[in-house]
Amino acid sequence: DRYYGPGLQVGYQYTARRWFTFEASVGAGYSPG
C-alpha cells in the first residue's frame, strides 16, 4: 500500500536571472495509517 499524510519541509531555491531554477528540501511527515 501507499501512505499519504501532511509534512513540513525546509529548503533552498536558486533562480537565475533568465529562467533556470534549482531547489532542494528536507523535512518530515506523518501518516497515522
PDB file of all heavy atoms in Angstrom:
ATOM      1  N   ASP A   1       0.830  -1.195   0.000  1.00  0.00           N
ATOM      2  CA  ASP A   1       0.000   0.000   0.000  1.00  0.00           C
ATOM      3  C   ASP A   1       0.869   1.252   0.000  1.00  0.00           C
ATOM      4  O   ASP A   1       2.071   1.201   0.283  1.00  0.00           O
ATOM      5  CB  ASP A   1      -0.906   0.002   1.229  1.00  0.00           C
ATOM      6  CG  ASP A   1      -2.175   0.799   1.001  1.00  0.00           C
ATOM      7  OD1 ASP A   1      -2.342   1.393  -0.084  1.00  0.00           O
ATOM      8  OD2 ASP A   1      -3.003   0.827   1.929  1.00  0.00           O
ATOM      9  N   ARG A   2       0.253   2.375  -0.320  1.00  0.00           N
ATOM     10  CA  ARG A   2       0.915   3.673  -0.292  1.00  0.00           C
ATOM     11  C   ARG A   2       0.257   4.506   0.794  1.00  0.00           C
ATOM     12  O   ARG A   2      -0.957   4.459   0.976  1.00  0.00           O
ATOM     13  CB  ARG A   2       0.797   4.368  -1.645  1.00  0.00           C
ATOM     14  CG  ARG A   2       1.483   3.563  -2.725  1.00  0.00           C
ATOM     15  CD  ARG A   2       1.432   4.225  -4.058  1.00  0.00           C
ATOM     16  NE  ARG A   2       0.064   4.328  -4.533  1.00  0.00           N
ATOM     17  CZ  ARG A   2      -0.282   5.011  -5.600  1.00  0.00           C
ATOM     18  NH1 ARG A   2       0.628   5.663  -6.281  1.00  0.00           N
ATOM     19  NH2 ARG A   2      -1.525   5.067  -6.005  1.00  0.00           N
ATOM     20  N   TYR A   3       1.058   5.316   1.502  1.00  0.00           N
ATOM     21  CA  TYR A   3       0.558   6.093   2.630  1.00  0.00           C
ATOM     22  C   TYR A   3       0.813   7.576   2.400  1.00  0.00           C
ATOM     23  O   TYR A   3       1.937   7.990   2.125  1.00  0.00           O
ATOM     24  CB  TYR A   3       1.229   5.650   3.926  1.00  0.00           C
ATOM     25  CG  TYR A   3       0.886   4.227   4.265  1.00  0.00           C
ATOM     26  CD1 TYR A   3       1.717   3.187   3.890  1.00  0.00           C
ATOM     27  CD2 TYR A   3      -0.284   3.924   4.951  1.00  0.00           C
ATOM     28  CE1 TYR A   3       1.396   1.877   4.190  1.00  0.00           C
ATOM     29  CE2 TYR A   3      -0.614   2.618   5.258  1.00  0.00           C
ATOM     30  CZ  TYR A   3       0.231   1.597   4.879  1.00  0.00           C
ATOM     31  OH  TYR A   3      -0.098   0.306   5.167  1.00  0.00           O
ATOM     32  N   TYR A   4      -0.242   8.365   2.539  1.00  0.00           N
ATOM     33  CA  TYR A   4      -0.194   9.817   2.392  1.00  0.00           C
ATOM     34  C   TYR A   4      -0.348  10.483   3.755  1.00  0.00           C
ATOM     35  O   TYR A   4      -0.915   9.904   4.676  1.00  0.00           O
ATOM     36  CB  TYR A   4      -1.333  10.309   1.490  1.00  0.00           C
ATOM     37  CG  TYR A   4      -1.097  10.097   0.032  1.00  0.00           C
ATOM     38  CD1 TYR A   4      -1.309   8.858  -0.551  1.00  0.00           C
ATOM     39  CD2 TYR A   4      -0.664  11.135  -0.770  1.00  0.00           C
ATOM     40  CE1 TYR A   4      -1.105   8.655  -1.899  1.00  0.00           C
ATOM     41  CE2 TYR A   4      -0.448  10.951  -2.128  1.00  0.00           C
ATOM     42  CZ  TYR A   4      -0.677   9.707  -2.686  1.00  0.00           C
ATOM     43  OH  TYR A   4      -0.459   9.524  -4.023  1.00  0.00           O
ATOM     44  N   GLY A   5       0.117  11.724   3.843  1.00  0.00           N
ATOM     45  CA  GLY A   5      -0.053  12.482   5.067  1.00  0.00           C
ATOM     46  C   GLY A   5       0.540  13.869   4.942  1.00  0.00           C
ATOM     47  O   GLY A   5       1.190  14.203   3.948  1.00  0.00           O
ATOM     48  N   PRO A   6       0.345  14.704   5.969  1.00  0.00           N
ATOM     49  CA  PRO A   6       0.908  16.057   5.950  1.00  0.00           C
ATOM     50  C   PRO A   6       2.402  16.023   6.276  1.00  0.00           C
ATOM     51  O   PRO A   6       2.875  15.130   6.976  1.00  0.00           O
ATOM     52  CB  PRO A   6       0.131  16.778   7.042  1.00  0.00           C
ATOM     53  CG  PRO A   6      -0.258  15.698   7.995  1.00  0.00           C
ATOM     54  CD  PRO A   6      -0.481  14.472   7.149  1.00  0.00           C
ATOM     55  N   GLY A   7       3.105  17.003   5.746  1.00  0.00           N
ATOM     56  CA  GLY A   7       4.538  17.095   6.012  1.00  0.00           C
ATOM     57  C   GLY A   7       5.009  18.529   6.054  1.00  0.00           C
ATOM     58  O   GLY A   7       4.351  19.442   5.543  1.00  0.00           O
ATOM     59  N   LEU A   8       6.159  18.721   6.669  1.00  0.00           N
ATOM     60  CA  LEU A   8       6.782  20.031   6.794  1.00  0.00           C
ATOM     61  C   LEU A   8       8.223  19.909   6.334  1.00  0.00           C
ATOM     62  O   LEU A   8       8.955  19.029   6.801  1.00  0.00           O
ATOM     63  CB  LEU A   8       6.716  20.505   8.247  1.00  0.00           C
ATOM     64  CG  LEU A   8       7.189  21.915   8.547  1.00  0.00           C
ATOM     65  CD1 LEU A   8       6.272  22.943   7.865  1.00  0.00           C
ATOM     66  CD2 LEU A   8       7.217  22.157  10.041  1.00  0.00           C
ATOM     67  N   GLN A   9       8.628  20.776   5.394  1.00  0.00           N
ATOM     68  CA  GLN A   9       9.995  20.763   4.883  1.00  0.00           C
ATOM     69  C   GLN A   9      10.585  22.169   4.905  1.00  0.00           C
ATOM     70  O   GLN A   9       9.854  23.157   4.786  1.00  0.00           O
ATOM     71  CB  GLN A   9      10.038  20.261   3.432  1.00  0.00           C
ATOM     72  CG  GLN A   9       9.669  18.812   3.266  1.00  0.00           C
ATOM     73  CD  GLN A   9       9.998  18.325   1.873  1.00  0.00           C
ATOM     74  OE1 GLN A   9      11.137  17.950   1.614  1.00  0.00           O
ATOM     75  NE2 GLN A   9       9.019  18.323   0.988  1.00  0.00           N
ATOM     76  N   VAL A  10      11.896  22.232   5.019  1.00  0.00           N
ATOM     77  CA  VAL A  10      12.645  23.470   4.821  1.00  0.00           C
ATOM     78  C   VAL A  10      13.515  23.264   3.594  1.00  0.00           C
ATOM     79  O   VAL A  10      13.937  22.140   3.309  1.00  0.00           O
ATOM     80  CB  VAL A  10      13.510  23.859   6.046  1.00  0.00           C
ATOM     81  CG1 VAL A  10      12.636  24.157   7.238  1.00  0.00           C
ATOM     82  CG2 VAL A  10      14.519  22.789   6.371  1.00  0.00           C
ATOM     83  N   GLY A  11      13.766  24.337   2.858  1.00  0.00           N
ATOM     84  CA  GLY A  11      14.543  24.157   1.643  1.00  0.00           C
ATOM     85  C   GLY A  11      15.225  25.416   1.177  1.00  0.00           C
ATOM     86  O   GLY A  11      15.110  26.494   1.773  1.00  0.00           O
ATOM     87  N   TYR A  12      15.934  25.261   0.056  1.00  0.00           N
ATOM     88  CA  TYR A  12      16.693  26.329  -0.584  1.00  0.00           C
ATOM     89  C   TYR A  12      16.291  26.378  -2.046  1.00  0.00           C
ATOM     90  O   TYR A  12      16.115  25.342  -2.687  1.00  0.00           O
ATOM     91  CB  TYR A  12      18.193  26.047  -0.466  1.00  0.00           C
ATOM     92  CG  TYR A  12      19.040  26.867  -1.392  1.00  0.00           C
ATOM     93  CD1 TYR A  12      19.342  28.197  -1.099  1.00  0.00           C
ATOM     94  CD2 TYR A  12      19.527  26.329  -2.575  1.00  0.00           C
ATOM     95  CE1 TYR A  12      20.111  28.958  -1.956  1.00  0.00           C
ATOM     96  CE2 TYR A  12      20.302  27.086  -3.443  1.00  0.00           C
ATOM     97  CZ  TYR A  12      20.593  28.399  -3.129  1.00  0.00           C
ATOM     98  OH  TYR A  12      21.348  29.156  -3.979  1.00  0.00           O
ATOM     99  N   GLN A  13      16.134  27.586  -2.591  1.00  0.00           N
ATOM    100  CA  GLN A  13      15.823  27.752  -4.010  1.00  0.00           C
ATOM    101  C   GLN A  13      16.768  28.770  -4.621  1.00  0.00           C
ATOM    102  O   GLN A  13      16.995  29.839  -4.054  1.00  0.00           O
ATOM    103  CB  GLN A  13      14.377  28.219  -4.193  1.00  0.00           C
ATOM    104  CG  GLN A  13      13.966  28.316  -5.649  1.00  0.00           C
ATOM    105  CD  GLN A  13      12.571  28.867  -5.815  1.00  0.00           C
ATOM    106  OE1 GLN A  13      12.329  30.018  -5.492  1.00  0.00           O
ATOM    107  NE2 GLN A  13      11.665  28.040  -6.300  1.00  0.00           N
ATOM    108  N   TYR A  14      17.319  28.427  -5.785  1.00  0.00           N
ATOM    109  CA  TYR A  14      18.147  29.344  -6.569  1.00  0.00           C
ATOM    110  C   TYR A  14      17.432  29.584  -7.894  1.00  0.00           C
ATOM    111  O   TYR A  14      17.068  28.626  -8.586  1.00  0.00           O
ATOM    112  CB  TYR A  14      19.526  28.748  -6.839  1.00  0.00           C
ATOM    113  CG  TYR A  14      20.301  29.538  -7.861  1.00  0.00           C
ATOM    114  CD1 TYR A  14      20.928  30.723  -7.511  1.00  0.00           C
ATOM    115  CD2 TYR A  14      20.386  29.117  -9.181  1.00  0.00           C
ATOM    116  CE1 TYR A  14      21.621  31.474  -8.453  1.00  0.00           C
ATOM    117  CE2 TYR A  14      21.076  29.852 -10.129  1.00  0.00           C
ATOM    118  CZ  TYR A  14      21.697  31.030  -9.758  1.00  0.00           C
ATOM    119  OH  TYR A  14      22.377  31.765 -10.687  1.00  0.00           O
ATOM    120  N   THR A  15      17.208  30.847  -8.239  1.00  0.00           N
ATOM    121  CA  THR A  15      16.589  31.200  -9.509  1.00  0.00           C
ATOM    122  C   THR A  15      17.527  32.144 -10.238  1.00  0.00           C
ATOM    123  O   THR A  15      17.793  33.251  -9.763  1.00  0.00           O
ATOM    124  CB  THR A  15      15.217  31.867  -9.305  1.00  0.00           C
ATOM    125  OG1 THR A  15      14.409  30.990  -8.539  1.00  0.00           O
ATOM    126  CG2 THR A  15      14.544  32.136 -10.634  1.00  0.00           C
ATOM    127  N   ALA A  16      18.026  31.721 -11.387  1.00  0.00           N
ATOM    128  CA  ALA A  16      18.916  32.558 -12.186  1.00  0.00           C
ATOM    129  C   ALA A  16      18.130  33.708 -12.796  1.00  0.00           C
ATOM    130  O   ALA A  16      16.899  33.697 -12.826  1.00  0.00           O
ATOM    131  CB  ALA A  16      19.574  31.724 -13.283  1.00  0.00           C
ATOM    132  N   ARG A  17      18.833  34.708 -13.294  1.00  0.00           N
ATOM    133  CA  ARG A  17      18.197  35.888 -13.866  1.00  0.00           C
ATOM    134  C   ARG A  17      17.312  35.519 -15.059  1.00  0.00           C
ATOM    135  O   ARG A  17      16.245  36.062 -15.229  1.00  0.00           O
ATOM    136  CB  ARG A  17      19.259  36.878 -14.303  1.00  0.00           C
ATOM    137  CG  ARG A  17      18.649  38.108 -14.950  1.00  0.00           C
ATOM    138  CD  ARG A  17      19.646  39.172 -15.138  1.00  0.00           C
ATOM    139  NE  ARG A  17      19.900  39.733 -13.812  1.00  0.00           N
ATOM    140  CZ  ARG A  17      20.923  40.475 -13.510  1.00  0.00           C
ATOM    141  NH1 ARG A  17      21.815  40.750 -14.407  1.00  0.00           N
ATOM    142  NH2 ARG A  17      21.104  40.947 -12.311  1.00  0.00           N
ATOM    143  N   ARG A  18      17.739  34.598 -15.878  1.00  0.00           N
ATOM    144  CA  ARG A  18      16.979  34.256 -17.085  1.00  0.00           C
ATOM    145  C   ARG A  18      15.802  33.339 -16.771  1.00  0.00           C
ATOM    146  O   ARG A  18      14.671  33.714 -16.869  1.00  0.00           O
ATOM    147  CB  ARG A  18      17.878  33.587 -18.119  1.00  0.00           C
ATOM    148  CG  ARG A  18      18.957  34.484 -18.608  1.00  0.00           C
ATOM    149  CD  ARG A  18      18.453  35.292 -19.764  1.00  0.00           C
ATOM    150  NE  ARG A  18      19.540  36.110 -20.260  1.00  0.00           N
ATOM    151  CZ  ARG A  18      19.364  37.232 -20.867  1.00  0.00           C
ATOM    152  NH1 ARG A  18      18.166  37.674 -21.085  1.00  0.00           N
ATOM    153  NH2 ARG A  18      20.378  37.929 -21.277  1.00  0.00           N
ATOM    154  N   TRP A  19      16.061  32.083 -16.416  1.00  0.00           N
ATOM    155  CA  TRP A  19      14.956  31.144 -16.231  1.00  0.00           C
ATOM    156  C   TRP A  19      15.288  29.971 -15.331  1.00  0.00           C
ATOM    157  O   TRP A  19      14.414  29.423 -14.683  1.00  0.00           O
ATOM    158  CB  TRP A  19      14.492  30.611 -17.575  1.00  0.00           C
ATOM    159  CG  TRP A  19      15.556  29.829 -18.293  1.00  0.00           C
ATOM    160  CD1 TRP A  19      16.493  30.318 -19.152  1.00  0.00           C
ATOM    161  CD2 TRP A  19      15.815  28.432 -18.195  1.00  0.00           C
ATOM    162  NE1 TRP A  19      17.323  29.322 -19.593  1.00  0.00           N
ATOM    163  CE2 TRP A  19      16.915  28.141 -19.021  1.00  0.00           C
ATOM    164  CE3 TRP A  19      15.224  27.387 -17.482  1.00  0.00           C
ATOM    165  CZ2 TRP A  19      17.429  26.862 -19.161  1.00  0.00           C
ATOM    166  CZ3 TRP A  19      15.751  26.115 -17.634  1.00  0.00           C
ATOM    167  CH2 TRP A  19      16.836  25.872 -18.473  1.00  0.00           C
ATOM    168  N   PHE A  20      16.515  29.498 -15.302  1.00  0.00           N
ATOM    169  CA  PHE A  20      16.874  28.262 -14.605  1.00  0.00           C
ATOM    170  C   PHE A  20      16.596  28.363 -13.104  1.00  0.00           C
ATOM    171  O   PHE A  20      16.940  29.347 -12.464  1.00  0.00           O
ATOM    172  CB  PHE A  20      18.354  27.941 -14.831  1.00  0.00           C
ATOM    173  CG  PHE A  20      18.807  26.717 -14.081  1.00  0.00           C
ATOM    174  CD1 PHE A  20      18.499  25.456 -14.524  1.00  0.00           C
ATOM    175  CD2 PHE A  20      19.521  26.844 -12.904  1.00  0.00           C
ATOM    176  CE1 PHE A  20      18.903  24.321 -13.826  1.00  0.00           C
ATOM    177  CE2 PHE A  20      19.940  25.728 -12.194  1.00  0.00           C
ATOM    178  CZ  PHE A  20      19.627  24.469 -12.666  1.00  0.00           C
ATOM    179  N   THR A  21      15.989  27.312 -12.553  1.00  0.00           N
ATOM    180  CA  THR A  21      15.685  27.250 -11.123  1.00  0.00           C
ATOM    181  C   THR A  21      16.110  25.903 -10.574  1.00  0.00           C
ATOM    182  O   THR A  21      15.889  24.868 -11.203  1.00  0.00           O
ATOM    183  CB  THR A  21      14.178  27.454 -10.875  1.00  0.00           C
ATOM    184  OG1 THR A  21      13.793  28.708 -11.420  1.00  0.00           O
ATOM    185  CG2 THR A  21      13.848  27.426  -9.396  1.00  0.00           C
ATOM    186  N   PHE A  22      16.732  25.921  -9.390  1.00  0.00           N
ATOM    187  CA  PHE A  22      17.141  24.711  -8.686  1.00  0.00           C
ATOM    188  C   PHE A  22      16.611  24.802  -7.265  1.00  0.00           C
ATOM    189  O   PHE A  22      16.616  25.878  -6.668  1.00  0.00           O
ATOM    190  CB  PHE A  22      18.671  24.598  -8.651  1.00  0.00           C
ATOM    191  CG  PHE A  22      19.158  23.563  -7.680  1.00  0.00           C
ATOM    192  CD1 PHE A  22      19.164  22.220  -8.019  1.00  0.00           C
ATOM    193  CD2 PHE A  22      19.592  23.922  -6.412  1.00  0.00           C
ATOM    194  CE1 PHE A  22      19.588  21.256  -7.110  1.00  0.00           C
ATOM    195  CE2 PHE A  22      20.020  22.974  -5.508  1.00  0.00           C
ATOM    196  CZ  PHE A  22      20.032  21.635  -5.856  1.00  0.00           C
ATOM    197  N   GLU A  23      16.165  23.670  -6.716  1.00  0.00           N
ATOM    198  CA  GLU A  23      15.738  23.663  -5.317  1.00  0.00           C
ATOM    199  C   GLU A  23      16.030  22.315  -4.670  1.00  0.00           C
ATOM    200  O   GLU A  23      16.079  21.291  -5.335  1.00  0.00           O
ATOM    201  CB  GLU A  23      14.259  24.025  -5.183  1.00  0.00           C
ATOM    202  CG  GLU A  23      13.309  23.039  -5.783  1.00  0.00           C
ATOM    203  CD  GLU A  23      11.865  23.505  -5.698  1.00  0.00           C
ATOM    204  OE1 GLU A  23      11.606  24.725  -5.797  1.00  0.00           O
ATOM    205  OE2 GLU A  23      11.001  22.635  -5.531  1.00  0.00           O
ATOM    206  N   ALA A  24      16.226  22.375  -3.358  1.00  0.00           N
ATOM    207  CA  ALA A  24      16.456  21.174  -2.547  1.00  0.00           C
ATOM    208  C   ALA A  24      15.759  21.385  -1.206  1.00  0.00           C
ATOM    209  O   ALA A  24      15.707  22.505  -0.700  1.00  0.00           O
ATOM    210  CB  ALA A  24      17.950  20.945  -2.344  1.00  0.00           C
ATOM    211  N   SER A  25      15.220  20.288  -0.635  1.00  0.00           N
ATOM    212  CA  SER A  25      14.489  20.407   0.628  1.00  0.00           C
ATOM    213  C   SER A  25      14.586  19.121   1.439  1.00  0.00           C
ATOM    214  O   SER A  25      14.833  18.045   0.891  1.00  0.00           O
ATOM    215  CB  SER A  25      13.021  20.737   0.363  1.00  0.00           C
ATOM    216  OG  SER A  25      12.425  19.718  -0.408  1.00  0.00           O
ATOM    217  N   VAL A  26      14.404  19.245   2.759  1.00  0.00           N
ATOM    218  CA  VAL A  26      14.363  18.105   3.681  1.00  0.00           C
ATOM    219  C   VAL A  26      13.311  18.396   4.744  1.00  0.00           C
ATOM    220  O   VAL A  26      13.002  19.556   5.027  1.00  0.00           O
ATOM    221  CB  VAL A  26      15.724  17.823   4.361  1.00  0.00           C
ATOM    222  CG1 VAL A  26      16.767  17.397   3.358  1.00  0.00           C
ATOM    223  CG2 VAL A  26      16.183  19.020   5.151  1.00  0.00           C
ATOM    224  N   GLY A  27      12.761  17.335   5.326  1.00  0.00           N
ATOM    225  CA  GLY A  27      11.766  17.518   6.368  1.00  0.00           C
ATOM    226  C   GLY A  27      11.228  16.195   6.863  1.00  0.00           C
ATOM    227  O   GLY A  27      11.857  15.142   6.700  1.00  0.00           O
ATOM    228  N   ALA A  28      10.041  16.242   7.460  1.00  0.00           N
ATOM    229  CA  ALA A  28       9.399  15.040   7.994  1.00  0.00           C
ATOM    230  C   ALA A  28       7.894  15.151   7.816  1.00  0.00           C
ATOM    231  O   ALA A  28       7.340  16.250   7.791  1.00  0.00           O
ATOM    232  CB  ALA A  28       9.732  14.868   9.472  1.00  0.00           C
ATOM    233  N   GLY A  29       7.256  13.982   7.671  1.00  0.00           N
ATOM    234  CA  GLY A  29       5.810  13.931   7.528  1.00  0.00           C
ATOM    235  C   GLY A  29       5.235  12.866   8.433  1.00  0.00           C
ATOM    236  O   GLY A  29       5.951  12.014   8.970  1.00  0.00           O
ATOM    237  N   TYR A  30       3.914  12.895   8.589  1.00  0.00           N
ATOM    238  CA  TYR A  30       3.251  11.939   9.467  1.00  0.00           C
ATOM    239  C   TYR A  30       2.001  11.374   8.799  1.00  0.00           C
ATOM    240  O   TYR A  30       1.166  12.126   8.296  1.00  0.00           O
ATOM    241  CB  TYR A  30       2.852  12.600  10.789  1.00  0.00           C
ATOM    242  CG  TYR A  30       2.120  11.673  11.709  1.00  0.00           C
ATOM    243  CD1 TYR A  30       2.815  10.699  12.414  1.00  0.00           C
ATOM    244  CD2 TYR A  30       0.744  11.736  11.851  1.00  0.00           C
ATOM    245  CE1 TYR A  30       2.152   9.821  13.248  1.00  0.00           C
ATOM    246  CE2 TYR A  30       0.075  10.872  12.697  1.00  0.00           C
ATOM    247  CZ  TYR A  30       0.781   9.918  13.391  1.00  0.00           C
ATOM    248  OH  TYR A  30       0.128   9.039  14.212  1.00  0.00           O
ATOM    249  N   SER A  31       1.894  10.059   8.807  1.00  0.00           N
ATOM    250  CA  SER A  31       0.700   9.391   8.314  1.00  0.00           C
ATOM    251  C   SER A  31       0.230   8.405   9.373  1.00  0.00           C
ATOM    252  O   SER A  31       0.939   7.438   9.691  1.00  0.00           O
ATOM    253  CB  SER A  31       0.979   8.655   7.011  1.00  0.00           C
ATOM    254  OG  SER A  31      -0.190   8.010   6.570  1.00  0.00           O
ATOM    255  N   PRO A  32      -0.943   8.629   9.946  1.00  0.00           N
ATOM    256  CA  PRO A  32      -1.404   7.757  11.031  1.00  0.00           C
ATOM    257  C   PRO A  32      -1.645   6.325  10.593  1.00  0.00           C
ATOM    258  O   PRO A  32      -1.599   5.404  11.405  1.00  0.00           O
ATOM    259  CB  PRO A  32      -2.699   8.415  11.495  1.00  0.00           C
ATOM    260  CG  PRO A  32      -3.114   9.318  10.399  1.00  0.00           C
ATOM    261  CD  PRO A  32      -1.882   9.692   9.649  1.00  0.00           C
ATOM    262  N   GLY A  33      -1.854   6.057   9.309  1.00  0.00           N
ATOM    263  CA  GLY A  33      -2.128   4.698   8.848  1.00  0.00           C
ATOM    264  C   GLY A  33      -0.897   3.845   8.637  1.00  0.00           C
ATOM    265  O   GLY A  33      -1.005   2.681   8.269  1.00  0.00           O
TER     266      GLY A  33
END
